[in-house]
């Protein structure tokens, strides 16, 4: 994954709140290459990005809001390109 780009957009990361709701992972980054991994997830007809930070003692999971497919895939791409963090 490329490093954070200058002028990148700040993503609003929220605590993982819907652990009881099933989510299907649609795409993901490598979780072996870095302690920070991202997943594009689908749940209830909407998509969201999940970020897992394994750099501390306990993994910290954050998620974006649930979004329609096109908006979520644009966000996913900007995260992958380092234009959003």
N, C-alpha and C. Protein backbone atom coordinates (compact mmCIF):
# COMPACT_ATOMS: atom_id res chain seq x y z
N UNK A 1 0.84 -1.16 0.00
CA UNK A 1 0.00 0.00 0.00
C UNK A 1 0.89 1.24 0.00
N UNK A 2 0.58 2.23 -0.81
CA UNK A 2 1.42 3.43 -0.85
C UNK A 2 1.32 4.25 0.43
N UNK A 3 2.34 5.03 0.71
CA UNK A 3 2.28 5.88 1.91
C UNK A 3 1.22 6.96 1.75
N UNK A 4 0.87 7.56 2.86
CA UNK A 4 -0.10 8.64 2.87
C UNK A 4 0.38 9.77 1.95
N UNK A 5 -0.50 10.24 1.07
CA UNK A 5 -0.16 11.28 0.12
C UNK A 5 -0.40 12.66 0.73
N UNK A 6 0.36 13.63 0.27
CA UNK A 6 0.17 15.01 0.73
C UNK A 6 -1.25 15.47 0.41
N UNK A 7 -1.87 16.14 1.34
CA UNK A 7 -3.22 16.65 1.12
C UNK A 7 -4.29 15.58 1.14
N UNK A 8 -4.01 14.45 1.76
CA UNK A 8 -5.00 13.37 1.76
C UNK A 8 -6.22 13.73 2.61
N UNK A 9 -7.32 13.09 2.33
CA UNK A 9 -8.59 13.34 3.00
C UNK A 9 -8.63 12.54 4.30
N UNK A 10 -9.11 13.17 5.36
CA UNK A 10 -9.27 12.47 6.64
C UNK A 10 -10.59 11.69 6.62
N UNK A 11 -10.51 10.43 6.93
CA UNK A 11 -11.70 9.58 6.99
C UNK A 11 -12.22 9.57 8.42
N UNK A 12 -13.51 9.62 8.59
CA UNK A 12 -14.11 9.53 9.93
C UNK A 12 -14.21 8.06 10.30
N UNK A 13 -13.31 7.62 11.17
CA UNK A 13 -13.28 6.24 11.63
C UNK A 13 -14.04 6.13 12.94
N UNK A 14 -15.00 5.24 12.99
CA UNK A 14 -15.83 5.06 14.19
C UNK A 14 -15.53 3.70 14.82
N UNK A 15 -15.83 3.59 16.09
CA UNK A 15 -15.66 2.30 16.75
C UNK A 15 -16.53 1.26 16.08
N UNK A 16 -16.04 0.06 16.05
CA UNK A 16 -16.81 -1.05 15.50
C UNK A 16 -18.01 -1.28 16.43
N UNK A 17 -19.20 -1.05 15.90
CA UNK A 17 -20.39 -1.13 16.75
C UNK A 17 -21.33 -2.26 16.38
N UNK A 18 -21.18 -2.80 15.24
CA UNK A 18 -22.16 -3.80 14.77
C UNK A 18 -21.54 -5.19 14.67
N UNK A 19 -20.83 -5.58 15.67
CA UNK A 19 -20.15 -6.88 15.66
C UNK A 19 -21.14 -8.04 15.51
N UNK A 20 -22.37 -7.86 15.99
CA UNK A 20 -23.35 -8.93 15.93
C UNK A 20 -23.97 -9.06 14.53
N UNK A 21 -23.81 -8.04 13.70
CA UNK A 21 -24.34 -8.08 12.34
C UNK A 21 -23.29 -8.69 11.42
N UNK A 22 -23.70 -9.63 10.63
CA UNK A 22 -22.76 -10.27 9.71
C UNK A 22 -22.29 -9.31 8.63
N UNK A 23 -21.02 -9.39 8.32
CA UNK A 23 -20.44 -8.60 7.23
C UNK A 23 -19.58 -9.53 6.39
N UNK A 24 -19.69 -9.38 5.11
CA UNK A 24 -18.90 -10.18 4.17
C UNK A 24 -17.74 -9.33 3.67
N UNK A 25 -16.53 -9.87 3.73
CA UNK A 25 -15.36 -9.15 3.23
C UNK A 25 -15.32 -9.30 1.71
N UNK A 26 -15.35 -8.16 1.03
CA UNK A 26 -15.37 -8.11 -0.44
C UNK A 26 -13.95 -8.02 -0.98
N UNK A 27 -13.10 -7.25 -0.29
CA UNK A 27 -11.70 -7.07 -0.70
C UNK A 27 -10.90 -6.73 0.56
N UNK A 28 -9.60 -6.96 0.51
CA UNK A 28 -8.78 -6.67 1.68
C UNK A 28 -7.34 -6.41 1.28
N UNK A 29 -6.61 -5.74 2.17
CA UNK A 29 -5.18 -5.54 1.98
C UNK A 29 -4.46 -6.66 2.73
N UNK A 30 -3.18 -6.79 2.50
CA UNK A 30 -2.38 -7.82 3.15
C UNK A 30 -2.18 -7.48 4.62
N UNK A 31 -2.55 -8.40 5.49
CA UNK A 31 -2.38 -8.14 6.92
C UNK A 31 -1.06 -8.69 7.45
N UNK A 32 -0.22 -9.21 6.57
CA UNK A 32 1.10 -9.71 6.98
C UNK A 32 2.19 -8.68 6.71
N UNK A 33 1.94 -7.77 5.79
CA UNK A 33 2.95 -6.79 5.37
C UNK A 33 3.03 -5.58 6.30
N UNK A 34 1.97 -5.31 7.01
CA UNK A 34 1.89 -4.10 7.83
C UNK A 34 0.96 -4.37 9.00
N UNK A 35 1.16 -3.69 10.12
CA UNK A 35 0.22 -3.87 11.24
C UNK A 35 -1.14 -3.21 10.97
N UNK A 36 -1.23 -2.42 9.91
CA UNK A 36 -2.46 -1.75 9.55
C UNK A 36 -3.07 -2.44 8.33
N UNK A 37 -4.28 -2.96 8.49
CA UNK A 37 -4.94 -3.67 7.39
C UNK A 37 -6.33 -3.08 7.16
N UNK A 38 -6.78 -3.11 5.92
CA UNK A 38 -8.08 -2.58 5.54
C UNK A 38 -8.91 -3.66 4.86
N UNK A 39 -10.23 -3.61 5.08
CA UNK A 39 -11.15 -4.52 4.42
C UNK A 39 -12.33 -3.72 3.89
N UNK A 40 -12.77 -4.07 2.70
CA UNK A 40 -14.01 -3.54 2.15
C UNK A 40 -15.07 -4.58 2.48
N UNK A 41 -16.08 -4.19 3.24
CA UNK A 41 -17.08 -5.14 3.74
C UNK A 41 -18.47 -4.79 3.24
N UNK A 42 -19.31 -5.82 3.10
CA UNK A 42 -20.70 -5.64 2.69
C UNK A 42 -21.61 -6.16 3.80
N UNK A 43 -22.65 -5.39 4.08
CA UNK A 43 -23.62 -5.80 5.10
C UNK A 43 -24.92 -5.07 4.86
N UNK A 44 -26.00 -5.82 4.78
CA UNK A 44 -27.32 -5.20 4.62
C UNK A 44 -27.49 -4.37 3.37
N UNK A 45 -26.82 -4.73 2.29
CA UNK A 45 -26.94 -4.00 1.03
C UNK A 45 -26.06 -2.77 0.94
N UNK A 46 -25.27 -2.49 1.98
CA UNK A 46 -24.37 -1.35 1.97
C UNK A 46 -22.94 -1.83 2.16
N UNK A 47 -21.99 -0.96 1.84
CA UNK A 47 -20.57 -1.30 2.00
C UNK A 47 -19.93 -0.35 3.00
N UNK A 48 -18.84 -0.78 3.61
CA UNK A 48 -18.06 0.07 4.50
C UNK A 48 -16.62 -0.42 4.51
N UNK A 49 -15.73 0.44 4.98
CA UNK A 49 -14.31 0.07 5.08
C UNK A 49 -14.00 -0.16 6.55
N UNK A 50 -13.35 -1.28 6.82
CA UNK A 50 -12.92 -1.61 8.18
C UNK A 50 -11.40 -1.50 8.24
N UNK A 51 -10.90 -0.85 9.28
CA UNK A 51 -9.45 -0.70 9.48
C UNK A 51 -9.07 -1.40 10.78
N UNK A 52 -8.08 -2.28 10.70
CA UNK A 52 -7.59 -2.98 11.88
C UNK A 52 -6.13 -2.61 12.09
N UNK A 53 -5.84 -2.06 13.26
CA UNK A 53 -4.47 -1.66 13.62
C UNK A 53 -3.94 -2.64 14.66
N UNK A 54 -2.94 -3.41 14.27
CA UNK A 54 -2.36 -4.42 15.15
C UNK A 54 -1.02 -3.97 15.73
N UNK A 55 -0.76 -2.68 15.77
CA UNK A 55 0.54 -2.20 16.24
C UNK A 55 0.64 -2.17 17.77
N UNK A 56 -0.47 -2.21 18.46
CA UNK A 56 -0.46 -2.17 19.93
C UNK A 56 -0.61 -3.56 20.53
N UNK A 57 -0.90 -3.58 21.81
CA UNK A 57 -1.10 -4.84 22.53
C UNK A 57 -2.34 -5.58 22.08
N UNK A 58 -3.37 -4.84 21.72
CA UNK A 58 -4.65 -5.41 21.32
C UNK A 58 -5.07 -4.78 20.00
N UNK A 59 -5.56 -5.56 19.05
CA UNK A 59 -6.00 -4.97 17.78
C UNK A 59 -7.09 -3.92 17.99
N UNK A 60 -6.97 -2.82 17.28
CA UNK A 60 -7.97 -1.75 17.34
C UNK A 60 -8.72 -1.72 16.01
N UNK A 61 -10.02 -1.93 16.07
CA UNK A 61 -10.85 -2.00 14.86
C UNK A 61 -11.71 -0.76 14.77
N UNK A 62 -11.70 -0.13 13.61
CA UNK A 62 -12.54 1.04 13.33
C UNK A 62 -13.21 0.81 11.98
N UNK A 63 -14.36 1.48 11.80
CA UNK A 63 -15.11 1.34 10.55
C UNK A 63 -15.62 2.69 10.08
N UNK A 64 -15.86 2.78 8.78
CA UNK A 64 -16.51 3.96 8.24
C UNK A 64 -18.02 3.76 8.34
N UNK A 65 -18.76 4.79 8.02
CA UNK A 65 -20.21 4.65 7.96
C UNK A 65 -20.57 3.70 6.82
N UNK A 66 -21.76 3.16 6.85
CA UNK A 66 -22.26 2.32 5.76
C UNK A 66 -22.64 3.22 4.60
N UNK A 67 -22.21 2.84 3.40
CA UNK A 67 -22.40 3.69 2.22
C UNK A 67 -22.95 2.87 1.06
N UNK A 68 -23.63 3.54 0.12
CA UNK A 68 -24.03 2.86 -1.12
C UNK A 68 -22.78 2.39 -1.86
N UNK A 69 -22.95 1.38 -2.67
CA UNK A 69 -21.84 0.72 -3.36
C UNK A 69 -20.86 1.67 -4.04
N UNK A 70 -21.34 2.56 -4.87
CA UNK A 70 -20.44 3.44 -5.64
C UNK A 70 -19.61 4.34 -4.73
N UNK A 71 -20.23 4.91 -3.70
CA UNK A 71 -19.49 5.80 -2.78
C UNK A 71 -18.46 5.01 -1.97
N UNK A 72 -18.84 3.83 -1.51
CA UNK A 72 -17.91 3.02 -0.71
C UNK A 72 -16.73 2.57 -1.55
N UNK A 73 -16.97 2.19 -2.79
CA UNK A 73 -15.86 1.75 -3.66
C UNK A 73 -14.92 2.92 -3.99
N UNK A 74 -15.45 4.14 -4.13
CA UNK A 74 -14.58 5.31 -4.32
C UNK A 74 -13.72 5.54 -3.08
N UNK A 75 -14.33 5.44 -1.92
CA UNK A 75 -13.58 5.60 -0.66
C UNK A 75 -12.51 4.52 -0.55
N UNK A 76 -12.85 3.29 -0.86
CA UNK A 76 -11.90 2.18 -0.82
C UNK A 76 -10.70 2.47 -1.71
N UNK A 77 -10.95 2.93 -2.90
CA UNK A 77 -9.87 3.24 -3.83
C UNK A 77 -8.99 4.38 -3.31
N UNK A 78 -9.59 5.41 -2.74
CA UNK A 78 -8.78 6.51 -2.22
C UNK A 78 -7.92 6.06 -1.04
N UNK A 79 -8.45 5.15 -0.21
CA UNK A 79 -7.64 4.60 0.89
C UNK A 79 -6.47 3.79 0.32
N UNK A 80 -6.75 2.94 -0.65
CA UNK A 80 -5.69 2.12 -1.25
C UNK A 80 -4.59 2.94 -1.90
N UNK A 81 -4.97 4.08 -2.48
CA UNK A 81 -3.99 4.95 -3.16
C UNK A 81 -3.27 5.90 -2.21
N UNK A 82 -3.63 5.84 -0.93
CA UNK A 82 -2.98 6.72 0.05
C UNK A 82 -3.53 8.14 0.06
N UNK A 83 -4.67 8.34 -0.60
CA UNK A 83 -5.27 9.68 -0.67
C UNK A 83 -6.27 9.93 0.45
N UNK A 84 -6.53 8.91 1.27
CA UNK A 84 -7.43 9.05 2.42
C UNK A 84 -6.89 8.18 3.53
N UNK A 85 -6.96 8.68 4.74
CA UNK A 85 -6.49 7.91 5.91
C UNK A 85 -7.37 8.12 7.07
